Amino acid sequence: MIHSERQGSVTLITFDRPERRNALSYEDVDGFAVAVGDAVADPETRALVLTGAQGDFCAGADLQGAVDSEFVSNLLEVLDVLRQAPFPTIAAVEGYALGAGTQIAVACDLRVASHTAKFGIPAAKLGLMIDQWTVQRLAHIAGQGAARAILLGCDILTAEQAVNVGLVQRTGALEDALEWAHHIATLAPLSIAGHKLGLNQSEPLAQSTPEFDVAFRLAWESEDLQEGLDAFRTRRPPEFKGK
């Protein structure tokens, strides 16, 4: 379930499925898209904060349900709207931000993390792939070393480690993120929109190369993905065969 409320000039969006550590279903992605779209369309919104209910940000896609390339495509559409929003977006991260959770956090302009925060993209433990833009964005923000540890080693970064590599800008709770957002909301919106546009244009283009598209399709159509998902659901180690 996705909740959205406006607090003055700040919109707060909350992922609320605590029984699943706020993992996203198809319906949640749809609700997320509506909430972000409404915030972008609201002329009173000058900053957006994303958070999760009851101790976790978002533990990724809900792997107990259907997860496929269409889910990824739908999520990417939301993240692109989030990226292009004319106002700053802040991820207030507490607890797990895994898989899609880290993708959402990375798509935001700024990240505030509590001491319990954990960032990671364990795609290789399941046999799937994330999109190329997230790979580029993660490497751009956190550096090649941290990005390779997360994507190739499936490392989980603590809040302290995330701060050290530049993935997180401030430590604190949701209240701290909201305080920052309310301060930002008092600043000149046209200046901020222009600076955000310039910053976005300084990054790699948000599109895939043909070579990455081939690799992405192979992973999502592989037997390894089905093995990884089955192993996750039955709580056993996967046996990947590279096909």
C-alpha atoms as a PDB file:
ATOM      1  CA  MET A   1       0.000   0.000   0.000  1.00  0.00           C
ATOM      2  CA  ILE A   2       1.210   3.511  -0.840  1.00  0.00           C
ATOM      3  CA  HIS A   3       0.263   6.539   1.242  1.00  0.00           C
ATOM      4  CA  SER A   4       0.715  10.127   0.116  1.00  0.00           C
ATOM      5  CA  GLU A   5       0.155  13.347   2.030  1.00  0.00           C
ATOM      6  CA  ARG A   6       1.207  16.939   1.603  1.00  0.00           C
ATOM      7  CA  GLN A   7       2.667  18.754   4.583  1.00  0.00           C
ATOM      8  CA  GLY A   8       2.759  22.372   3.519  1.00  0.00           C
ATOM      9  CA  SER A   9       4.996  22.494   0.436  1.00  0.00           C
ATOM     10  CA  VAL A  10       6.420  19.010   1.039  1.00  0.00           C
ATOM     11  CA  THR A  11       4.793  15.790  -0.212  1.00  0.00           C
ATOM     12  CA  LEU A  12       5.494  12.653   1.821  1.00  0.00           C
ATOM     13  CA  ILE A  13       5.064   9.252   0.154  1.00  0.00           C
ATOM     14  CA  THR A  14       5.178   6.149   2.363  1.00  0.00           C
ATOM     15  CA  PHE A  15       5.605   2.498   1.369  1.00  0.00           C
ATOM     16  CA  ASP A  16       3.356   0.646   3.806  1.00  0.00           C
ATOM     17  CA  ARG A  17       3.596  -3.156   3.717  1.00  0.00           C
ATOM     18  CA  PRO A  18       5.532  -3.753   6.938  1.00  0.00           C
ATOM     19  CA  GLU A  19       4.696  -7.461   6.959  1.00  0.00           C
ATOM     20  CA  ARG A  20       6.834  -7.727   3.779  1.00  0.00           C
ATOM     21  CA  ARG A  21       9.419  -5.104   4.828  1.00  0.00           C
ATOM     22  CA  ASN A  22       7.596  -2.800   2.393  1.00  0.00           C
ATOM     23  CA  ALA A  23       8.491  -4.925  -0.639  1.00  0.00           C
ATOM     24  CA  LEU A  24       6.667  -3.814  -3.780  1.00  0.00           C
ATOM     25  CA  SER A  25       3.954  -5.735  -5.594  1.00  0.00           C
ATOM     26  CA  TYR A  26       2.617  -4.857  -9.065  1.00  0.00           C
ATOM     27  CA  GLU A  27      -0.186  -2.936  -7.361  1.00  0.00           C
ATOM     28  CA  ASP A  28       2.287  -1.044  -5.196  1.00  0.00           C
ATOM     29  CA  VAL A  29       4.258   0.080  -8.239  1.00  0.00           C
ATOM     30  CA  ASP A  30       1.016   1.337  -9.789  1.00  0.00           C
ATOM     31  CA  GLY A  31       0.159   3.196  -6.579  1.00  0.00           C
ATOM     32  CA  PHE A  32       3.682   4.602  -6.410  1.00  0.00           C
ATOM     33  CA  ALA A  33       3.334   5.883  -9.980  1.00  0.00           C
ATOM     34  CA  VAL A  34       0.058   7.626  -9.139  1.00  0.00           C
ATOM     35  CA  ALA A  35       1.499   9.207  -5.983  1.00  0.00           C
ATOM     36  CA  VAL A  36       4.614  10.511  -7.742  1.00  0.00           C
ATOM     37  CA  GLY A  37       2.583  11.734 -10.714  1.00  0.00           C
ATOM     38  CA  ASP A  38       0.189  13.581  -8.421  1.00  0.00           C
ATOM     39  CA  ALA A  39       3.096  15.238  -6.593  1.00  0.00           C
ATOM     40  CA  VAL A  40       4.687  16.370  -9.850  1.00  0.00           C
ATOM     41  CA  ALA A  41       1.347  17.749 -11.060  1.00  0.00           C
ATOM     42  CA  ASP A  42       0.736  19.597  -7.780  1.00  0.00           C
ATOM     43  CA  PRO A  43       1.978  23.204  -8.140  1.00  0.00           C
ATOM     44  CA  GLU A  44       2.213  23.494  -4.349  1.00  0.00           C
ATOM     45  CA  THR A  45       4.800  20.714  -3.995  1.00  0.00           C
ATOM     46  CA  ARG A  46       8.363  22.016  -3.749  1.00  0.00           C
ATOM     47  CA  ALA A  47      10.045  18.927  -2.308  1.00  0.00           C
ATOM     48  CA  LEU A  48       9.237  15.221  -2.058  1.00  0.00           C
ATOM     49  CA  VAL A  49      10.225  12.763   0.669  1.00  0.00           C
ATOM     50  CA  LEU A  50       9.978   8.978   0.287  1.00  0.00           C
ATOM     51  CA  THR A  51       9.966   6.692   3.321  1.00  0.00           C
ATOM     52  CA  GLY A  52       8.876   3.254   4.497  1.00  0.00           C
ATOM     53  CA  ALA A  53       6.594   2.301   7.356  1.00  0.00           C
ATOM     54  CA  GLN A  54       7.655   0.641  10.605  1.00  0.00           C
ATOM     55  CA  GLY A  55      11.403   0.397  10.371  1.00  0.00           C
ATOM     56  CA  ASP A  56      12.231  -0.433   6.749  1.00  0.00           C
ATOM     57  CA  PHE A  57      12.434   1.632   3.572  1.00  0.00           C
ATOM     58  CA  CYS A  58      11.728  -0.984   0.878  1.00  0.00           C
ATOM     59  CA  ALA A  59      13.046  -4.546   0.667  1.00  0.00           C
ATOM     60  CA  GLY A  60      12.729  -4.612  -3.133  1.00  0.00           C
ATOM     61  CA  ALA A  61      10.220  -6.429  -5.286  1.00  0.00           C
ATOM     62  CA  ASP A  62       7.871  -8.853  -3.546  1.00  0.00           C
ATOM     63  CA  LEU A  63       9.381 -12.095  -4.796  1.00  0.00           C
ATOM     64  CA  GLN A  64       6.494 -14.127  -3.396  1.00  0.00           C
ATOM     65  CA  GLY A  65       4.408 -12.680  -6.227  1.00  0.00           C
ATOM     66  CA  ALA A  66       5.010 -12.334  -9.958  1.00  0.00           C
ATOM     67  CA  VAL A  67       8.252 -10.563 -10.850  1.00  0.00           C
ATOM     68  CA  ASP A  68       9.258 -10.155 -14.478  1.00  0.00           C
ATOM     69  CA  SER A  69      10.641  -7.643 -16.961  1.00  0.00           C
ATOM     70  CA  GLU A  70       7.252  -5.904 -17.105  1.00  0.00           C
ATOM     71  CA  PHE A  71       7.502  -5.190 -13.373  1.00  0.00           C
ATOM     72  CA  VAL A  72      10.953  -3.708 -13.989  1.00  0.00           C
ATOM     73  CA  SER A  73       9.661  -1.623 -16.904  1.00  0.00           C
ATOM     74  CA  ASN A  74       6.786  -0.236 -14.833  1.00  0.00           C
ATOM     75  CA  LEU A  75       9.131   0.636 -11.973  1.00  0.00           C
ATOM     76  CA  LEU A  76      11.560   2.357 -14.336  1.00  0.00           C
ATOM     77  CA  GLU A  77       8.800   4.576 -15.665  1.00  0.00           C
ATOM     78  CA  VAL A  78       8.108   5.795 -12.132  1.00  0.00           C
ATOM     79  CA  LEU A  79      11.791   6.343 -11.403  1.00  0.00           C
ATOM     80  CA  ASP A  80      12.157   8.386 -14.575  1.00  0.00           C
ATOM     81  CA  VAL A  81       9.288  10.653 -13.477  1.00  0.00           C
ATOM     82  CA  LEU A  82      10.946  10.912 -10.072  1.00  0.00           C
ATOM     83  CA  ARG A  83      14.273  11.783 -11.672  1.00  0.00           C
ATOM     84  CA  GLN A  84      12.762  14.490 -13.865  1.00  0.00           C
ATOM     85  CA  ALA A  85      10.562  16.067 -11.176  1.00  0.00           C
ATOM     86  CA  PRO A  86      11.306  19.826 -11.109  1.00  0.00           C
ATOM     87  CA  PHE A  87      11.771  19.763  -7.329  1.00  0.00           C
ATOM     88  CA  PRO A  88      14.271  17.892  -5.108  1.00  0.00           C
ATOM     89  CA  THR A  89      13.428  14.383  -3.963  1.00  0.00           C
ATOM     90  CA  ILE A  90      14.751  12.862  -0.734  1.00  0.00           C
ATOM     91  CA  ALA A  91      14.836   9.195   0.292  1.00  0.00           C
ATOM     92  CA  ALA A  92      14.519   8.849   4.069  1.00  0.00           C
ATOM     93  CA  VAL A  93      16.009   5.385   4.571  1.00  0.00           C
ATOM     94  CA  GLU A  94      15.617   3.297   7.693  1.00  0.00           C
ATOM     95  CA  GLY A  95      16.295  -0.429   7.761  1.00  0.00           C
ATOM     96  CA  TYR A  96      16.389  -2.352   4.500  1.00  0.00           C
ATOM     97  CA  ALA A  97      16.667  -0.647   1.114  1.00  0.00           C
ATOM     98  CA  LEU A  98      17.368  -3.664  -1.080  1.00  0.00           C
ATOM     99  CA  GLY A  99      16.955  -4.246  -4.795  1.00  0.00           C
ATOM    100  CA  ALA A 100      14.188  -1.925  -5.942  1.00  0.00           C
ATOM    101  CA  GLY A 101      14.572  -0.137  -2.600  1.00  0.00           C
ATOM    102  CA  THR A 102      18.111   0.909  -3.470  1.00  0.00           C
ATOM    103  CA  GLN A 103      16.989   1.711  -7.022  1.00  0.00           C
ATOM    104  CA  ILE A 104      14.363   4.097  -5.649  1.00  0.00           C
ATOM    105  CA  ALA A 105      16.819   5.656  -3.196  1.00  0.00           C
ATOM    106  CA  VAL A 106      19.403   6.147  -5.946  1.00  0.00           C
ATOM    107  CA  ALA A 107      16.791   7.731  -8.223  1.00  0.00           C
ATOM    108  CA  CYS A 108      16.196  10.413  -5.596  1.00  0.00           C
ATOM    109  CA  ASP A 109      18.333  13.535  -5.533  1.00  0.00           C
ATOM    110  CA  LEU A 110      19.307  13.175  -1.871  1.00  0.00           C
ATOM    111  CA  ARG A 111      19.413  10.434   0.750  1.00  0.00           C
ATOM    112  CA  VAL A 112      19.072  10.637   4.541  1.00  0.00           C
ATOM    113  CA  ALA A 113      19.756   7.387   6.385  1.00  0.00           C
ATOM    114  CA  SER A 114      19.303   6.234   9.954  1.00  0.00           C
ATOM    115  CA  HIS A 115      21.942   4.094  11.675  1.00  0.00           C
ATOM    116  CA  THR A 116      19.891   0.974  10.825  1.00  0.00           C
ATOM    117  CA  ALA A 117      19.923   1.582   7.059  1.00  0.00           C
ATOM    118  CA  LYS A 118      21.247  -1.105   4.729  1.00  0.00           C
ATOM    119  CA  PHE A 119      21.683  -0.656   0.982  1.00  0.00           C
ATOM    120  CA  GLY A 120      22.162  -3.455  -1.536  1.00  0.00           C
ATOM    121  CA  ILE A 121      21.142  -4.968  -4.867  1.00  0.00           C
ATOM    122  CA  PRO A 122      21.335  -8.772  -4.507  1.00  0.00           C
ATOM    123  CA  ALA A 123      20.284  -9.399  -8.113  1.00  0.00           C
ATOM    124  CA  ALA A 124      23.046 -11.943  -8.718  1.00  0.00           C
ATOM    125  CA  LYS A 125      21.683 -14.076  -5.870  1.00  0.00           C
ATOM    126  CA  LEU A 126      18.470 -14.437  -7.874  1.00  0.00           C
ATOM    127  CA  GLY A 127      19.696 -14.532 -11.464  1.00  0.00           C
ATOM    128  CA  LEU A 128      18.100 -11.263 -12.576  1.00  0.00           C
ATOM    129  CA  MET A 129      19.456  -7.875 -13.676  1.00  0.00           C
ATOM    130  CA  ILE A 130      18.636  -4.259 -12.934  1.00  0.00           C
ATOM    131  CA  ASP A 131      18.484  -1.581 -15.626  1.00  0.00           C
ATOM    132  CA  GLN A 132      21.557   0.113 -17.056  1.00  0.00           C
ATOM    133  CA  TRP A 133      20.583   3.584 -15.865  1.00  0.00           C
ATOM    134  CA  THR A 134      20.557   2.436 -12.227  1.00  0.00           C
ATOM    135  CA  VAL A 135      23.985   0.865 -12.753  1.00  0.00           C
ATOM    136  CA  GLN A 136      25.290   4.147 -14.155  1.00  0.00           C
ATOM    137  CA  ARG A 137      23.603   6.275 -11.495  1.00  0.00           C
ATOM    138  CA  LEU A 138      24.950   4.094  -8.674  1.00  0.00           C
ATOM    139  CA  ALA A 139      28.484   4.268 -10.076  1.00  0.00           C
ATOM    140  CA  HIS A 140      28.150   8.031 -10.615  1.00  0.00           C
ATOM    141  CA  ILE A 141      26.977   8.691  -7.048  1.00  0.00           C
ATOM    142  CA  ALA A 142      28.842   6.081  -4.992  1.00  0.00           C
ATOM    143  CA  GLY A 143      31.859   5.468  -7.228  1.00  0.00           C
ATOM    144  CA  GLN A 144      32.957   2.466  -9.252  1.00  0.00           C
ATOM    145  CA  GLY A 145      34.389   0.636  -6.254  1.00  0.00           C
ATOM    146  CA  ALA A 146      31.216   0.672  -4.192  1.00  0.00           C
ATOM    147  CA  ALA A 147      29.019   0.013  -7.232  1.00  0.00           C
ATOM    148  CA  ARG A 148      31.067  -3.039  -8.189  1.00  0.00           C
ATOM    149  CA  ALA A 149      30.985  -4.362  -4.618  1.00  0.00           C
ATOM    150  CA  ILE A 150      27.197  -3.968  -4.539  1.00  0.00           C
ATOM    151  CA  LEU A 151      26.450  -5.370  -8.002  1.00  0.00           C
ATOM    152  CA  LEU A 152      29.213  -7.968  -8.477  1.00  0.00           C
ATOM    153  CA  GLY A 153      29.768  -9.004  -4.852  1.00  0.00           C
ATOM    154  CA  CYS A 154      26.205  -8.465  -3.618  1.00  0.00           C
ATOM    155  CA  ASP A 155      27.656  -6.478  -0.708  1.00  0.00           C
ATOM    156  CA  ILE A 156      25.278  -4.756   1.695  1.00  0.00           C
ATOM    157  CA  LEU A 157      26.373  -1.246   2.707  1.00  0.00           C
ATOM    158  CA  THR A 158      25.653   0.048   6.184  1.00  0.00           C
ATOM    159  CA  ALA A 159      24.636   3.657   6.725  1.00  0.00           C
ATOM    160  CA  GLU A 160      28.197   4.527   7.765  1.00  0.00           C
ATOM    161  CA  GLN A 161      29.661   2.903   4.661  1.00  0.00           C
ATOM    162  CA  ALA A 162      27.061   4.613   2.459  1.00  0.00           C
ATOM    163  CA  VAL A 163      28.004   7.997   3.931  1.00  0.00           C
ATOM    164  CA  ASN A 164      31.707   7.304   3.383  1.00  0.00           C
ATOM    165  CA  VAL A 165      31.253   6.615  -0.341  1.00  0.00           C
ATOM    166  CA  GLY A 166      28.835   9.515  -0.892  1.00  0.00           C
ATOM    167  CA  LEU A 167      25.689   7.464  -1.402  1.00  0.00           C
ATOM    168  CA  VAL A 168      24.109   9.109   1.657  1.00  0.00           C
ATOM    169  CA  GLN A 169      24.334  12.852   2.263  1.00  0.00           C
ATOM    170  CA  ARG A 170      23.029  13.047   5.833  1.00  0.00           C
ATOM    171  CA  THR A 171      22.367  10.680   8.710  1.00  0.00           C
ATOM    172  CA  GLY A 172      19.141  10.919  10.656  1.00  0.00           C
ATOM    173  CA  ALA A 173      15.515   9.865  10.879  1.00  0.00           C
ATOM    174  CA  LEU A 174      12.435  10.754   8.843  1.00  0.00           C
ATOM    175  CA  GLU A 175      12.040  13.932  10.897  1.00  0.00           C
ATOM    176  CA  ASP A 176      15.490  15.064   9.764  1.00  0.00           C
ATOM    177  CA  ALA A 177      14.647  14.377   6.129  1.00  0.00           C
ATOM    178  CA  LEU A 178      11.392  16.306   6.458  1.00  0.00           C
ATOM    179  CA  GLU A 179      13.173  19.216   8.141  1.00  0.00           C
ATOM    180  CA  TRP A 180      15.640  19.338   5.237  1.00  0.00           C
ATOM    181  CA  ALA A 181      12.787  19.131   2.726  1.00  0.00           C
ATOM    182  CA  HIS A 182      10.878  21.973   4.392  1.00  0.00           C
ATOM    183  CA  HIS A 183      14.032  24.113   4.305  1.00  0.00           C
ATOM    184  CA  ILE A 184      14.536  23.326   0.616  1.00  0.00           C
ATOM    185  CA  ALA A 185      10.887  24.248  -0.010  1.00  0.00           C
ATOM    186  CA  THR A 186      11.658  27.811   1.117  1.00  0.00           C
ATOM    187  CA  LEU A 187      14.342  28.249  -1.557  1.00  0.00           C
ATOM    188  CA  ALA A 188      13.827  29.652  -5.058  1.00  0.00           C
ATOM    189  CA  PRO A 189      12.037  26.889  -7.031  1.00  0.00           C
ATOM    190  CA  LEU A 190      13.170  28.070 -10.479  1.00  0.00           C
ATOM    191  CA  SER A 191      16.807  28.103  -9.380  1.00  0.00           C
ATOM    192  CA  ILE A 192      16.481  24.603  -7.958  1.00  0.00           C
ATOM    193  CA  ALA A 193      14.676  23.273 -11.038  1.00  0.00           C
ATOM    194  CA  GLY A 194      17.396  24.687 -13.275  1.00  0.00           C
ATOM    195  CA  HIS A 195      20.210  23.315 -11.154  1.00  0.00           C
ATOM    196  CA  LYS A 196      18.556  19.895 -10.993  1.00  0.00           C
ATOM    197  CA  LEU A 197      18.230  19.897 -14.779  1.00  0.00           C
ATOM    198  CA  GLY A 198      21.905  20.752 -15.126  1.00  0.00           C
ATOM    199  CA  LEU A 199      22.931  18.051 -12.665  1.00  0.00           C
ATOM    200  CA  ASN A 200      20.824  15.457 -14.471  1.00  0.00           C
ATOM    201  CA  GLN A 201      22.375  16.439 -17.794  1.00  0.00           C
ATOM    202  CA  SER A 202      25.860  16.026 -16.322  1.00  0.00           C
ATOM    203  CA  GLU A 203      25.193  12.320 -15.746  1.00  0.00           C
ATOM    204  CA  PRO A 204      25.204   9.424 -18.243  1.00  0.00           C
ATOM    205  CA  LEU A 205      22.123   9.301 -20.446  1.00  0.00           C
ATOM    206  CA  ALA A 206      19.155   7.392 -19.052  1.00  0.00           C
ATOM    207  CA  GLN A 207      19.089   4.800 -21.827  1.00  0.00           C
ATOM    208  CA  SER A 208      20.485   1.330 -22.456  1.00  0.00           C
ATOM    209  CA  THR A 209      23.084   0.296 -24.980  1.00  0.00           C
ATOM    210  CA  PRO A 210      22.211  -2.533 -27.406  1.00  0.00           C
ATOM    211  CA  GLU A 211      24.774  -4.786 -25.709  1.00  0.00           C
ATOM    212  CA  PHE A 212      23.218  -4.217 -22.289  1.00  0.00           C
ATOM    213  CA  ASP A 213      19.738  -4.841 -23.690  1.00  0.00           C
ATOM    214  CA  VAL A 214      20.879  -8.255 -24.930  1.00  0.00           C
ATOM    215  CA  ALA A 215      22.418  -9.142 -21.550  1.00  0.00           C
ATOM    216  CA  PHE A 216      19.305  -7.903 -19.751  1.00  0.00           C
ATOM    217  CA  ARG A 217      16.994 -10.010 -21.895  1.00  0.00           C
ATOM    218  CA  LEU A 218      19.173 -13.119 -21.492  1.00  0.00           C
ATOM    219  CA  ALA A 219      19.083 -12.808 -17.704  1.00  0.00           C
ATOM    220  CA  TRP A 220      15.334 -12.231 -17.491  1.00  0.00           C
ATOM    221  CA  GLU A 221      14.588 -15.124 -19.864  1.00  0.00           C
ATOM    222  CA  SER A 222      17.084 -17.523 -18.261  1.00  0.00           C
ATOM    223  CA  GLU A 223      16.589 -20.789 -16.429  1.00  0.00           C
ATOM    224  CA  ASP A 224      18.846 -19.326 -13.745  1.00  0.00           C
ATOM    225  CA  LEU A 225      16.227 -16.694 -12.915  1.00  0.00           C
ATOM    226  CA  GLN A 226      13.563 -19.340 -12.420  1.00  0.00           C
ATOM    227  CA  GLU A 227      16.016 -21.316 -10.283  1.00  0.00           C
ATOM    228  CA  GLY A 228      16.869 -18.243  -8.229  1.00  0.00           C
ATOM    229  CA  LEU A 229      13.231 -17.341  -7.593  1.00  0.00           C
ATOM    230  CA  ASP A 230      12.318 -20.930  -6.727  1.00  0.00           C
ATOM    231  CA  ALA A 231      15.283 -21.185  -4.360  1.00  0.00           C
ATOM    232  CA  PHE A 232      14.256 -17.941  -2.670  1.00  0.00           C
ATOM    233  CA  ARG A 233      10.667 -19.042  -2.218  1.00  0.00           C
ATOM    234  CA  THR A 234      11.621 -22.499  -0.910  1.00  0.00           C
ATOM    235  CA  ARG A 235      14.471 -21.145   1.234  1.00  0.00           C
ATOM    236  CA  ARG A 236      17.283 -23.203  -0.293  1.00  0.00           C
ATOM    237  CA  PRO A 237      20.607 -22.312  -1.932  1.00  0.00           C
ATOM    238  CA  PRO A 238      20.264 -21.800  -5.714  1.00  0.00           C
ATOM    239  CA  GLU A 239      22.242 -23.852  -8.195  1.00  0.00           C
ATOM    240  CA  PHE A 240      23.008 -21.549 -11.126  1.00  0.00           C
ATOM    241  CA  LYS A 241      24.166 -23.007 -14.455  1.00  0.00           C
ATOM    242  CA  GLY A 242      24.639 -19.880 -16.568  1.00  0.00           C
ATOM    243  CA  LYS A 243      21.799 -20.616 -18.927  1.00  0.00           C
END
